[in-house]
Amino acid sequence: MSGWGRYPVVRSRVARPERRADVFEAFGERNGHGFLAHGLGRSYGDAALIEDGQVVLTRRLDRMLAFDPDTGWLRCEAGVSIEDILEVFVPRGFFPPVTPGTKFVTVGGALGCDVHGKSHHVNGCWSNHVRRVELLTGSGDVVFCDAENEPELFAATAGGMGLTGVILSLEVKLARVASPYFEMDSIR
């Protein structure tokens, strides 16, 4: 396996879960080796790689579980991509709160890397718009963490590169938009 930069290349056992239960099965088969989630692989370098460990490809964990159109809160599995969100929600007047340089990033990866975009000075990072995370920890426990329940774990997961566990699902607040187009002023 390798990341987007195609270096380094490492040998890993790979699980490609279709459902949450498959993640737990893969966790049980790790035989004492490391266990790390891998989304769409758009990180440079060695992010989401583990030599001789178990990599869980989360892309097929791509279900949108709940959406509140009054508030913009979306609860979805970690393998939902920003592209998925754009396809479903832009026609409904919603947009991801932070967009990195590619739409080929999963929401789990966006939080694990705590991505930012061109609006960082206004909107901050991805974690500024996530209120709750469901995490499979290294001990095998499923923990729901947020700013009030397990706040240290929540903070460590945002930008933690997957080292706190596998993100199973999260809740992110989408931004309202009037159209899919941007208005821009160019100053020369």
N, C-alpha and C. Protein backbone atom coordinates (compact mmCIF):
# COMPACT_ATOMS: atom_id res chain seq x y z
N MET A 1 0.84 -1.17 0.00
CA MET A 1 0.00 0.00 0.00
C MET A 1 0.88 1.24 0.00
N SER A 2 0.32 2.31 -0.52
CA SER A 2 0.98 3.61 -0.45
C SER A 2 -0.09 4.69 -0.40
N GLY A 3 0.34 5.89 -0.11
CA GLY A 3 -0.57 7.02 -0.12
C GLY A 3 -0.56 7.69 -1.48
N TRP A 4 -1.09 8.89 -1.53
CA TRP A 4 -1.22 9.61 -2.79
C TRP A 4 0.14 9.93 -3.40
N GLY A 5 1.13 10.16 -2.59
CA GLY A 5 2.47 10.45 -3.09
C GLY A 5 3.20 9.21 -3.59
N ARG A 6 2.60 8.03 -3.40
CA ARG A 6 3.12 6.74 -3.85
C ARG A 6 4.43 6.33 -3.19
N TYR A 7 4.77 6.99 -2.09
CA TYR A 7 5.95 6.60 -1.31
C TYR A 7 5.68 6.97 0.13
N PRO A 8 5.99 6.13 1.07
CA PRO A 8 6.57 4.81 0.92
C PRO A 8 5.51 3.77 0.54
N VAL A 9 5.99 2.60 0.19
CA VAL A 9 5.12 1.46 -0.08
C VAL A 9 5.34 0.47 1.05
N VAL A 10 4.26 0.02 1.69
CA VAL A 10 4.38 -0.91 2.81
C VAL A 10 3.48 -2.13 2.58
N ARG A 11 3.85 -3.22 3.24
CA ARG A 11 3.02 -4.44 3.22
C ARG A 11 2.08 -4.39 4.41
N SER A 12 0.80 -4.60 4.14
CA SER A 12 -0.20 -4.60 5.20
C SER A 12 -1.26 -5.64 4.88
N ARG A 13 -1.89 -6.14 5.91
CA ARG A 13 -3.11 -6.92 5.71
C ARG A 13 -4.22 -5.91 5.48
N VAL A 14 -5.12 -6.21 4.57
CA VAL A 14 -6.17 -5.25 4.22
C VAL A 14 -7.54 -5.87 4.43
N ALA A 15 -8.40 -5.13 5.10
CA ALA A 15 -9.81 -5.51 5.23
C ALA A 15 -10.63 -4.45 4.52
N ARG A 16 -11.66 -4.88 3.82
CA ARG A 16 -12.53 -3.97 3.09
C ARG A 16 -13.97 -4.18 3.58
N PRO A 17 -14.29 -3.63 4.75
CA PRO A 17 -15.61 -3.88 5.33
C PRO A 17 -16.74 -3.25 4.53
N GLU A 18 -17.84 -3.98 4.45
CA GLU A 18 -19.06 -3.48 3.82
C GLU A 18 -20.00 -2.89 4.86
N ARG A 19 -19.91 -3.40 6.07
CA ARG A 19 -20.79 -2.99 7.17
C ARG A 19 -19.96 -2.84 8.43
N ARG A 20 -20.57 -2.17 9.40
CA ARG A 20 -19.90 -1.95 10.69
C ARG A 20 -19.43 -3.26 11.31
N ALA A 21 -20.26 -4.29 11.24
CA ALA A 21 -19.91 -5.58 11.85
C ALA A 21 -18.60 -6.11 11.26
N ASP A 22 -18.35 -5.82 9.99
CA ASP A 22 -17.11 -6.27 9.35
C ASP A 22 -15.88 -5.57 9.94
N VAL A 23 -16.06 -4.34 10.41
CA VAL A 23 -14.95 -3.62 11.04
C VAL A 23 -14.55 -4.33 12.33
N PHE A 24 -15.55 -4.73 13.11
CA PHE A 24 -15.27 -5.42 14.37
C PHE A 24 -14.64 -6.78 14.11
N GLU A 25 -15.07 -7.46 13.06
CA GLU A 25 -14.47 -8.74 12.70
C GLU A 25 -12.99 -8.55 12.34
N ALA A 26 -12.70 -7.54 11.54
CA ALA A 26 -11.31 -7.26 11.16
C ALA A 26 -10.48 -6.89 12.39
N PHE A 27 -11.07 -6.14 13.31
CA PHE A 27 -10.38 -5.77 14.54
C PHE A 27 -10.00 -7.03 15.33
N GLY A 28 -10.91 -7.99 15.38
CA GLY A 28 -10.65 -9.24 16.08
C GLY A 28 -9.58 -10.09 15.44
N GLU A 29 -9.33 -9.89 14.15
CA GLU A 29 -8.34 -10.68 13.41
C GLU A 29 -6.96 -10.02 13.33
N ARG A 30 -6.75 -8.96 14.07
CA ARG A 30 -5.49 -8.22 13.95
C ARG A 30 -4.32 -8.93 14.61
N ASN A 31 -4.58 -9.91 15.46
CA ASN A 31 -3.53 -10.74 16.07
C ASN A 31 -2.41 -9.93 16.70
N GLY A 32 -2.76 -8.92 17.44
CA GLY A 32 -1.77 -8.12 18.14
C GLY A 32 -1.06 -7.09 17.28
N HIS A 33 -1.35 -7.06 16.00
CA HIS A 33 -0.73 -6.07 15.12
C HIS A 33 -1.50 -4.76 15.19
N GLY A 34 -0.87 -3.71 14.69
CA GLY A 34 -1.53 -2.41 14.63
C GLY A 34 -2.76 -2.45 13.73
N PHE A 35 -3.64 -1.50 13.92
CA PHE A 35 -4.93 -1.45 13.24
C PHE A 35 -5.19 0.00 12.87
N LEU A 36 -5.37 0.29 11.59
CA LEU A 36 -5.48 1.68 11.15
C LEU A 36 -6.49 1.80 10.02
N ALA A 37 -7.31 2.85 10.08
CA ALA A 37 -8.28 3.12 9.01
C ALA A 37 -7.59 3.79 7.83
N HIS A 38 -8.15 3.57 6.64
CA HIS A 38 -7.64 4.17 5.41
C HIS A 38 -8.85 4.55 4.57
N GLY A 39 -8.98 5.82 4.24
CA GLY A 39 -10.13 6.29 3.47
C GLY A 39 -9.87 6.22 1.97
N LEU A 40 -9.78 7.37 1.34
CA LEU A 40 -9.54 7.41 -0.10
C LEU A 40 -8.07 7.59 -0.46
N GLY A 41 -7.19 7.63 0.54
CA GLY A 41 -5.76 7.62 0.28
C GLY A 41 -5.20 8.88 -0.34
N ARG A 42 -5.79 10.04 -0.04
CA ARG A 42 -5.31 11.28 -0.65
C ARG A 42 -4.29 12.02 0.21
N SER A 43 -3.82 11.40 1.26
CA SER A 43 -2.77 12.02 2.07
C SER A 43 -1.41 11.71 1.47
N TYR A 44 -0.51 12.67 1.55
CA TYR A 44 0.86 12.46 1.10
C TYR A 44 1.63 11.70 2.18
N GLY A 45 2.76 11.15 1.80
CA GLY A 45 3.62 10.50 2.78
C GLY A 45 3.03 9.21 3.30
N ASP A 46 3.23 8.97 4.59
CA ASP A 46 2.85 7.68 5.17
C ASP A 46 1.57 7.73 6.00
N ALA A 47 0.76 8.75 5.82
CA ALA A 47 -0.51 8.80 6.55
C ALA A 47 -1.37 7.61 6.14
N ALA A 48 -2.05 7.01 7.10
CA ALA A 48 -2.95 5.87 6.89
C ALA A 48 -2.23 4.63 6.37
N LEU A 49 -0.95 4.50 6.68
CA LEU A 49 -0.20 3.30 6.33
C LEU A 49 0.37 2.69 7.59
N ILE A 50 0.42 1.37 7.63
CA ILE A 50 0.99 0.70 8.79
C ILE A 50 1.70 -0.57 8.31
N GLU A 51 2.99 -0.62 8.50
CA GLU A 51 3.80 -1.75 8.08
C GLU A 51 3.43 -2.99 8.89
N ASP A 52 3.14 -4.08 8.20
CA ASP A 52 2.82 -5.37 8.83
C ASP A 52 1.64 -5.28 9.79
N GLY A 53 0.76 -4.34 9.59
CA GLY A 53 -0.43 -4.22 10.42
C GLY A 53 -1.68 -4.49 9.61
N GLN A 54 -2.81 -4.18 10.22
CA GLN A 54 -4.11 -4.37 9.59
C GLN A 54 -4.65 -3.01 9.17
N VAL A 55 -4.87 -2.82 7.88
CA VAL A 55 -5.47 -1.59 7.36
C VAL A 55 -6.92 -1.88 7.03
N VAL A 56 -7.79 -1.00 7.48
CA VAL A 56 -9.22 -1.13 7.22
C VAL A 56 -9.61 -0.06 6.22
N LEU A 57 -9.96 -0.48 5.02
CA LEU A 57 -10.40 0.46 3.99
C LEU A 57 -11.85 0.84 4.28
N THR A 58 -12.07 2.08 4.63
CA THR A 58 -13.40 2.50 5.12
C THR A 58 -14.32 3.01 4.02
N ARG A 59 -13.88 3.07 2.79
CA ARG A 59 -14.67 3.71 1.73
C ARG A 59 -16.07 3.13 1.57
N ARG A 60 -16.23 1.84 1.80
CA ARG A 60 -17.56 1.24 1.63
C ARG A 60 -18.48 1.47 2.82
N LEU A 61 -17.95 2.06 3.87
CA LEU A 61 -18.80 2.46 5.00
C LEU A 61 -19.29 3.87 4.68
N ASP A 62 -20.19 3.94 3.72
CA ASP A 62 -20.54 5.22 3.10
C ASP A 62 -22.02 5.58 3.20
N ARG A 63 -22.62 5.22 4.31
CA ARG A 63 -24.04 5.50 4.48
C ARG A 63 -24.27 6.83 5.18
N MET A 64 -25.23 7.57 4.65
CA MET A 64 -25.68 8.78 5.32
C MET A 64 -26.83 8.35 6.21
N LEU A 65 -26.68 8.55 7.50
CA LEU A 65 -27.57 7.96 8.48
C LEU A 65 -28.72 8.86 8.89
N ALA A 66 -28.49 10.16 8.94
CA ALA A 66 -29.55 11.11 9.33
C ALA A 66 -29.15 12.50 8.88
N PHE A 67 -30.16 13.30 8.54
CA PHE A 67 -29.91 14.69 8.16
C PHE A 67 -31.07 15.54 8.65
N ASP A 68 -30.75 16.66 9.27
CA ASP A 68 -31.76 17.62 9.72
C ASP A 68 -31.68 18.85 8.83
N PRO A 69 -32.64 19.03 7.91
CA PRO A 69 -32.58 20.16 6.99
C PRO A 69 -32.80 21.51 7.67
N ASP A 70 -33.34 21.50 8.88
CA ASP A 70 -33.52 22.77 9.60
C ASP A 70 -32.21 23.30 10.16
N THR A 71 -31.32 22.39 10.55
CA THR A 71 -30.06 22.80 11.18
C THR A 71 -28.83 22.54 10.31
N GLY A 72 -28.93 21.62 9.36
CA GLY A 72 -27.79 21.26 8.52
C GLY A 72 -26.92 20.15 9.09
N TRP A 73 -27.32 19.57 10.23
CA TRP A 73 -26.50 18.49 10.83
C TRP A 73 -26.69 17.19 10.05
N LEU A 74 -25.56 16.61 9.64
CA LEU A 74 -25.53 15.34 8.93
C LEU A 74 -24.80 14.32 9.79
N ARG A 75 -25.42 13.17 9.99
CA ARG A 75 -24.75 12.05 10.66
C ARG A 75 -24.49 11.01 9.58
N CYS A 76 -23.23 10.60 9.44
CA CYS A 76 -22.88 9.66 8.38
C CYS A 76 -21.72 8.78 8.81
N GLU A 77 -21.55 7.68 8.07
CA GLU A 77 -20.43 6.80 8.33
C GLU A 77 -19.14 7.45 7.82
N ALA A 78 -18.02 6.97 8.32
CA ALA A 78 -16.72 7.59 8.06
C ALA A 78 -16.28 7.52 6.60
N GLY A 79 -16.81 6.58 5.83
CA GLY A 79 -16.40 6.44 4.44
C GLY A 79 -17.13 7.33 3.46
N VAL A 80 -18.09 8.11 3.93
CA VAL A 80 -18.76 9.08 3.05
C VAL A 80 -17.72 10.09 2.60
N SER A 81 -17.68 10.37 1.32
CA SER A 81 -16.69 11.33 0.81
C SER A 81 -17.29 12.73 0.68
N ILE A 82 -16.42 13.70 0.57
CA ILE A 82 -16.90 15.06 0.31
C ILE A 82 -17.62 15.09 -1.02
N GLU A 83 -17.16 14.30 -1.99
CA GLU A 83 -17.87 14.21 -3.27
C GLU A 83 -19.30 13.71 -3.06
N ASP A 84 -19.48 12.69 -2.22
CA ASP A 84 -20.82 12.18 -1.92
C ASP A 84 -21.71 13.28 -1.35
N ILE A 85 -21.16 14.04 -0.42
CA ILE A 85 -21.91 15.13 0.20
C ILE A 85 -22.29 16.17 -0.84
N LEU A 86 -21.36 16.53 -1.71
CA LEU A 86 -21.65 17.51 -2.75
C LEU A 86 -22.78 17.04 -3.66
N GLU A 87 -22.71 15.78 -4.10
CA GLU A 87 -23.73 15.25 -5.01
C GLU A 87 -25.12 15.24 -4.39
N VAL A 88 -25.20 14.90 -3.13
CA VAL A 88 -26.51 14.77 -2.48
C VAL A 88 -27.04 16.11 -1.97
N PHE A 89 -26.16 16.94 -1.41
CA PHE A 89 -26.65 18.09 -0.66
C PHE A 89 -26.56 19.44 -1.36
N VAL A 90 -25.71 19.61 -2.35
CA VAL A 90 -25.69 20.90 -3.06
C VAL A 90 -27.05 21.18 -3.71
N PRO A 91 -27.68 20.20 -4.37
CA PRO A 91 -29.01 20.47 -4.93
C PRO A 91 -30.06 20.84 -3.86
N ARG A 92 -29.79 20.50 -2.61
CA ARG A 92 -30.70 20.82 -1.51
C ARG A 92 -30.30 22.10 -0.78
N GLY A 93 -29.25 22.75 -1.27
CA GLY A 93 -28.85 24.03 -0.68
C GLY A 93 -27.87 23.93 0.47
N PHE A 94 -27.09 22.84 0.52
CA PHE A 94 -26.09 22.67 1.58
C PHE A 94 -24.74 22.31 0.97
N PHE A 95 -23.69 22.67 1.69
CA PHE A 95 -22.31 22.49 1.20
C PHE A 95 -21.44 22.11 2.39
N PRO A 96 -20.39 21.31 2.17
CA PRO A 96 -19.48 21.01 3.28
C PRO A 96 -18.91 22.31 3.86
N PRO A 97 -18.74 22.35 5.17
CA PRO A 97 -18.29 23.59 5.80
C PRO A 97 -16.85 23.96 5.47
N VAL A 98 -16.05 22.97 5.19
CA VAL A 98 -14.63 23.15 4.85
C VAL A 98 -14.33 22.20 3.70
N THR A 99 -13.71 22.71 2.66
CA THR A 99 -13.36 21.85 1.53
C THR A 99 -11.86 21.95 1.26
N PRO A 100 -11.18 20.81 1.35
CA PRO A 100 -9.74 20.80 1.05
C PRO A 100 -9.53 20.88 -0.47
N GLY A 101 -8.33 20.67 -0.91
CA GLY A 101 -7.99 20.80 -2.33
C GLY A 101 -8.55 19.71 -3.22
N THR A 102 -9.17 18.69 -2.66
CA THR A 102 -9.79 17.63 -3.45
C THR A 102 -11.09 17.21 -2.79
N LYS A 103 -12.04 16.78 -3.61
CA LYS A 103 -13.31 16.26 -3.08
C LYS A 103 -13.21 14.77 -2.78
N PHE A 104 -12.07 14.18 -3.09
CA PHE A 104 -11.87 12.75 -2.89
C PHE A 104 -11.25 12.47 -1.52
N VAL A 105 -11.94 12.91 -0.50
CA VAL A 105 -11.53 12.72 0.90
C VAL A 105 -12.76 12.21 1.65
N THR A 106 -12.58 11.21 2.49
CA THR A 106 -13.70 10.75 3.31
C THR A 106 -13.86 11.68 4.52
N VAL A 107 -15.05 11.66 5.11
CA VAL A 107 -15.26 12.50 6.30
C VAL A 107 -14.41 12.00 7.46
N GLY A 108 -14.19 10.69 7.54
CA GLY A 108 -13.30 10.16 8.58
C GLY A 108 -11.88 10.66 8.38
N GLY A 109 -11.41 10.65 7.14
CA GLY A 109 -10.09 11.18 6.84
C GLY A 109 -10.00 12.68 7.04
N ALA A 110 -11.09 13.38 6.71
CA ALA A 110 -11.11 14.84 6.91
C ALA A 110 -10.93 15.18 8.38
N LEU A 111 -11.57 14.40 9.26
CA LEU A 111 -11.42 14.66 10.69
C LEU A 111 -10.08 14.14 11.20
N GLY A 112 -9.68 12.95 10.77
CA GLY A 112 -8.41 12.39 11.22
C GLY A 112 -7.22 13.27 10.86
N CYS A 113 -7.30 13.95 9.72
CA CYS A 113 -6.24 14.88 9.31
C CYS A 113 -6.60 16.32 9.65
N ASP A 114 -7.80 16.52 10.14
CA ASP A 114 -8.35 17.85 10.44
C ASP A 114 -8.05 18.83 9.31
N VAL A 115 -8.59 18.49 8.14
CA VAL A 115 -8.30 19.26 6.93
C VAL A 115 -8.79 20.70 7.02
N HIS A 116 -8.20 21.51 6.19
CA HIS A 116 -8.61 22.91 6.06
C HIS A 116 -8.71 23.23 4.58
N GLY A 117 -9.27 24.38 4.28
CA GLY A 117 -9.40 24.81 2.89
C GLY A 117 -8.99 26.25 2.73
N LYS A 118 -9.37 26.83 1.62
CA LYS A 118 -9.02 28.22 1.33
C LYS A 118 -9.71 29.20 2.27
N SER A 119 -10.76 28.76 2.94
CA SER A 119 -11.50 29.63 3.86
C SER A 119 -11.08 29.42 5.32
N HIS A 120 -9.89 28.87 5.53
CA HIS A 120 -9.44 28.53 6.88
C HIS A 120 -9.50 29.72 7.83
N HIS A 121 -9.16 30.88 7.35
CA HIS A 121 -9.16 32.09 8.19
C HIS A 121 -10.57 32.48 8.64
N VAL A 122 -11.59 31.96 7.95
CA VAL A 122 -12.98 32.26 8.30
C VAL A 122 -13.66 31.06 8.95
N ASN A 123 -13.52 29.89 8.32
CA ASN A 123 -14.26 28.69 8.75
C ASN A 123 -13.46 27.72 9.60
N GLY A 124 -12.16 27.89 9.71
CA GLY A 124 -11.36 26.97 10.50
C GLY A 124 -11.18 25.63 9.83
N CYS A 125 -10.93 24.62 10.64
CA CYS A 125 -10.69 23.25 10.16
C CYS A 125 -11.98 22.43 10.21
N TRP A 126 -11.90 21.24 9.68
CA TRP A 126 -13.05 20.33 9.66
C TRP A 126 -13.59 20.11 11.07
N SER A 127 -12.71 19.96 12.04
CA SER A 127 -13.14 19.67 13.42
C SER A 127 -13.99 20.78 14.03
N ASN A 128 -13.88 21.99 13.52
CA ASN A 128 -14.70 23.09 14.03
C ASN A 128 -16.18 22.89 13.72
N HIS A 129 -16.50 21.94 12.85
CA HIS A 129 -17.87 21.73 12.41
C HIS A 129 -18.39 20.33 12.74
N VAL A 130 -17.61 19.57 13.51
CA VAL A 130 -18.01 18.22 13.93
C VAL A 130 -18.41 18.29 15.39
N ARG A 131 -19.60 17.75 15.69
CA ARG A 131 -20.03 17.81 17.10
C ARG A 131 -19.93 16.48 17.82
N ARG A 132 -19.86 15.38 17.07
CA ARG A 132 -19.83 14.07 17.74
C ARG A 132 -19.14 13.06 16.84
N VAL A 133 -18.38 12.16 17.47
CA VAL A 133 -17.65 11.11 16.75
C VAL A 133 -17.93 9.78 17.42
N GLU A 134 -18.14 8.76 16.62
CA GLU A 134 -18.24 7.39 17.11
C GLU A 134 -16.93 6.71 16.73
N LEU A 135 -16.22 6.21 17.73
CA LEU A 135 -14.85 5.73 17.54
C LEU A 135 -14.69 4.32 18.08
N LEU A 136 -14.06 3.45 17.29
CA LEU A 136 -13.64 2.13 17.76
C LEU A 136 -12.21 2.30 18.25
N THR A 137 -12.01 2.22 19.54
CA THR A 137 -10.69 2.47 20.12
C THR A 137 -9.81 1.22 20.02
N GLY A 138 -8.54 1.39 20.32
CA GLY A 138 -7.59 0.29 20.28
C GLY A 138 -7.90 -0.82 21.27
N SER A 139 -8.69 -0.50 22.30
CA SER A 139 -9.09 -1.53 23.28
C SER A 139 -10.30 -2.32 22.81
N GLY A 140 -10.89 -1.91 21.68
CA GLY A 140 -12.06 -2.60 21.15
C GLY A 140 -13.37 -2.01 21.61
N ASP A 141 -13.31 -0.93 22.37
CA ASP A 141 -14.53 -0.27 22.84
C ASP A 141 -15.02 0.72 21.79
N VAL A 142 -16.34 0.87 21.71
CA VAL A 142 -16.94 1.91 20.89
C VAL A 142 -17.27 3.06 21.81
N VAL A 143 -16.72 4.22 21.51
CA VAL A 143 -16.88 5.40 22.35
C VAL A 143 -17.47 6.52 21.51
N PHE A 144 -18.48 7.18 22.07
CA PHE A 144 -19.00 8.40 21.46
C PHE A 144 -18.32 9.56 22.17
N CYS A 145 -17.65 10.39 21.42
CA CYS A 145 -16.96 11.51 22.05
C CYS A 145 -17.34 12.82 21.37
N ASP A 146 -17.33 13.86 22.18
CA ASP A 146 -17.62 15.21 21.71
C ASP A 146 -16.97 16.19 22.68
N ALA A 147 -17.32 17.44 22.58
CA ALA A 147 -16.69 18.46 23.42
C ALA A 147 -17.00 18.29 24.90
N GLU A 148 -18.09 17.57 25.23
CA GLU A 148 -18.47 17.39 26.64
C GLU A 148 -18.27 15.97 27.14
N ASN A 149 -18.43 14.98 26.29
CA ASN A 149 -18.26 13.58 26.65
C ASN A 149 -16.95 13.09 26.04
N GLU A 150 -15.97 12.81 26.88
CA GLU A 150 -14.63 12.41 26.42
C GLU A 150 -13.99 13.51 25.58
N PRO A 151 -13.93 14.74 26.09
CA PRO A 151 -13.38 15.85 25.29
C PRO A 151 -11.91 15.68 24.90
N GLU A 152 -11.12 15.04 25.75
CA GLU A 152 -9.71 14.83 25.41
C GLU A 152 -9.57 13.88 24.22
N LEU A 153 -10.39 12.83 24.22
CA LEU A 153 -10.37 11.88 23.11
C LEU A 153 -10.87 12.55 21.83
N PHE A 154 -11.89 13.36 21.94
CA PHE A 154 -12.41 14.10 20.79
C PHE A 154 -11.33 14.99 20.20
N ALA A 155 -10.65 15.74 21.07
CA ALA A 155 -9.59 16.66 20.61
C ALA A 155 -8.42 15.89 20.00
N ALA A 156 -8.07 14.74 20.58
CA ALA A 156 -6.96 13.95 20.05
C ALA A 156 -7.31 13.27 18.73
N THR A 157 -8.58 12.97 18.52
CA THR A 157 -9.02 12.33 17.29
C THR A 157 -8.97 13.31 16.12
N ALA A 158 -9.33 14.57 16.38
CA ALA A 158 -9.27 15.61 15.34
C ALA A 158 -7.80 15.92 15.05
N GLY A 159 -7.35 15.49 13.89
CA GLY A 159 -5.95 15.68 13.54
C GLY A 159 -5.05 14.59 14.09
N GLY A 160 -5.62 13.56 14.70
CA GLY A 160 -4.83 12.49 15.31
C GLY A 160 -4.36 11.42 14.35
N MET A 161 -4.65 11.57 13.07
CA MET A 161 -4.16 10.67 12.02
C MET A 161 -4.56 9.21 12.25
N GLY A 162 -5.69 8.99 12.91
CA GLY A 162 -6.18 7.64 13.12
C GLY A 162 -5.59 6.93 14.31
N LEU A 163 -4.74 7.59 15.07
CA LEU A 163 -4.05 6.91 16.17
C LEU A 163 -4.90 6.73 17.42
N THR A 164 -6.07 7.37 17.48
CA THR A 164 -6.97 7.16 18.63
C THR A 164 -7.95 6.02 18.37
N GLY A 165 -8.02 5.56 17.14
CA GLY A 165 -8.94 4.49 16.79
C GLY A 165 -9.53 4.71 15.41
N VAL A 166 -10.48 3.87 15.07
CA VAL A 166 -11.14 3.95 13.77
C VAL A 166 -12.44 4.73 13.93
N ILE A 167 -12.56 5.82 13.19
CA ILE A 167 -13.80 6.60 13.19
C ILE A 167 -14.85 5.78 12.45
N LEU A 168 -15.94 5.49 13.13
CA LEU A 168 -17.04 4.74 12.53
C LEU A 168 -18.07 5.67 11.91
N SER A 169 -18.40 6.73 12.63
CA SER A 169 -19.36 7.71 12.12
C SER A 169 -19.10 9.04 12.80
N LEU A 170 -19.69 10.08 12.25
CA LEU A 170 -19.57 11.40 12.86
C LEU A 170 -20.76 12.26 12.46
N GLU A 171 -20.90 13.37 13.18
CA GLU A 171 -21.93 14.36 12.87
C GLU A 171 -21.23 15.65 12.49
N VAL A 172 -21.55 16.16 11.30
CA VAL A 172 -20.93 17.38 10.79
C VAL A 172 -22.03 18.34 10.37
N LYS A 173 -21.81 19.62 10.62
CA LYS A 173 -22.80 20.64 10.26
C LYS A 173 -22.47 21.18 8.87
N LEU A 174 -23.40 20.97 7.95
CA LEU A 174 -23.24 21.50 6.60
C LEU A 174 -23.68 22.96 6.57
N ALA A 175 -23.08 23.71 5.67
CA ALA A 175 -23.39 25.14 5.54
C ALA A 175 -24.48 25.34 4.49
N ARG A 176 -25.38 26.27 4.75
CA ARG A 176 -26.40 26.62 3.75
C ARG A 176 -25.75 27.43 2.64
N VAL A 177 -26.16 27.14 1.41
CA VAL A 177 -25.69 27.91 0.25
C VAL A 177 -26.89 28.23 -0.65
N ALA A 178 -26.82 29.38 -1.29
CA ALA A 178 -27.91 29.80 -2.18
C ALA A 178 -27.81 29.11 -3.54
N SER A 179 -26.58 28.76 -3.93
CA SER A 179 -26.38 28.11 -5.22
C SER A 179 -25.04 27.38 -5.18
N PRO A 180 -24.78 26.56 -6.20
CA PRO A 180 -23.50 25.86 -6.24
C PRO A 180 -22.36 26.74 -6.76
N TYR A 181 -22.63 28.01 -7.02
CA TYR A 181 -21.62 28.89 -7.60
C TYR A 181 -21.09 29.87 -6.58
N PHE A 182 -19.85 30.28 -6.79
CA PHE A 182 -19.20 31.26 -5.92
C PHE A 182 -19.21 32.62 -6.61
N GLU A 183 -19.36 33.65 -5.83
CA GLU A 183 -19.20 35.00 -6.34
C GLU A 183 -17.80 35.45 -5.95
N MET A 184 -17.08 36.03 -6.92
CA MET A 184 -15.70 36.39 -6.66
C MET A 184 -15.42 37.79 -7.17
N ASP A 185 -14.68 38.54 -6.40
CA ASP A 185 -14.17 39.84 -6.83
C ASP A 185 -12.67 39.71 -6.98
N SER A 186 -12.15 40.15 -8.11
CA SER A 186 -10.72 40.11 -8.35
C SER A 186 -10.16 41.52 -8.22
N ILE A 187 -9.19 41.68 -7.35
CA ILE A 187 -8.57 42.98 -7.12
C ILE A 187 -7.16 42.94 -7.68
N ARG A 188 -6.86 43.86 -8.55
CA ARG A 188 -5.52 43.89 -9.17
C ARG A 188 -4.77 45.12 -8.76
